[in-house]
Amino acid sequence: MPFIQVTMGAGRTPERKERLLRAAADAVEVPESSVRVWIVEPPAADVLVGGETLAEKQARAVG
């Protein structure tokens, strides 16, 4: 029984997260009923990407 954990900074829409969950489950070649997939979302202020917090990157992208 595969367990798949995806850790990513918070900020994605529920629809995007659902697509990711389904894609991860589909990538494993075992019966769907035996796959477990979940997302762990640390706050954007707690994730550092390229020397900048994800919260800073998201704020800059918004404008």
Protein backbone atom coordinates (compact mmCIF):
# COMPACT_ATOMS: atom_id res chain seq x y z
CA MET A 1 0.00 0.00 0.00
CA PRO A 2 1.78 3.20 -1.15
CA PHE A 3 1.69 6.31 1.00
CA ILE A 4 2.45 9.54 -0.87
CA GLN A 5 3.01 12.77 1.02
CA VAL A 6 3.29 16.05 -0.88
CA THR A 7 4.74 18.94 1.12
CA MET A 8 4.30 22.38 -0.44
CA GLY A 9 3.86 25.93 0.74
CA ALA A 10 0.28 27.01 1.34
CA GLY A 11 -1.52 29.07 -1.25
CA ARG A 12 -2.95 26.80 -3.95
CA THR A 13 -6.64 26.54 -4.76
CA PRO A 14 -8.64 23.49 -3.70
CA GLU A 15 -9.04 22.59 -7.39
CA ARG A 16 -5.27 22.60 -8.03
CA LYS A 17 -4.69 20.51 -4.91
CA GLU A 18 -7.29 17.97 -5.99
CA ARG A 19 -5.67 17.68 -9.45
CA LEU A 20 -2.30 17.12 -7.78
CA LEU A 21 -3.70 14.46 -5.44
CA ARG A 22 -5.31 12.60 -8.34
CA ALA A 23 -2.19 12.85 -10.52
CA ALA A 24 -0.03 11.46 -7.72
CA ALA A 25 -2.42 8.57 -7.16
CA ASP A 26 -2.58 7.85 -10.90
CA ALA A 27 1.23 7.76 -11.15
CA VAL A 28 1.44 4.67 -8.94
CA GLU A 29 0.79 1.39 -10.72
CA VAL A 30 -1.26 -0.34 -8.04
CA PRO A 31 -5.01 -0.58 -7.50
CA GLU A 32 -6.45 2.86 -6.74
CA SER A 33 -8.12 1.56 -3.59
CA SER A 34 -4.72 0.91 -1.98
CA VAL A 35 -3.14 4.34 -2.61
CA ARG A 36 -3.04 6.99 0.12
CA VAL A 37 -2.10 10.57 -0.84
CA TRP A 38 -2.14 13.70 1.29
CA ILE A 39 -0.83 17.24 1.21
CA VAL A 40 1.03 18.96 4.04
CA GLU A 41 1.00 22.76 3.72
CA PRO A 42 3.36 24.71 5.95
CA PRO A 43 2.50 28.42 6.07
CA ALA A 44 4.04 30.40 3.20
CA ALA A 45 6.07 32.41 5.73
CA ASP A 46 7.72 29.14 6.87
CA VAL A 47 9.01 28.10 3.43
CA LEU A 48 12.22 29.52 1.97
CA VAL A 49 12.68 29.45 -1.82
CA GLY A 50 15.85 30.90 -3.32
CA GLY A 51 16.62 32.99 -0.24
CA GLU A 52 13.13 34.48 -0.06
CA THR A 53 10.07 33.26 1.83
CA LEU A 54 7.23 31.93 -0.23
CA ALA A 55 5.01 34.61 1.35
CA GLU A 56 7.33 37.32 -0.03
CA LYS A 57 7.29 35.72 -3.49
CA GLN A 58 3.49 35.41 -3.44
CA ALA A 59 3.08 39.05 -2.33
CA ARG A 60 5.37 40.24 -5.11
CA ALA A 61 3.48 38.18 -7.71
CA VAL A 62 0.16 39.75 -6.67
CA GLY A 63 1.54 43.13 -7.10
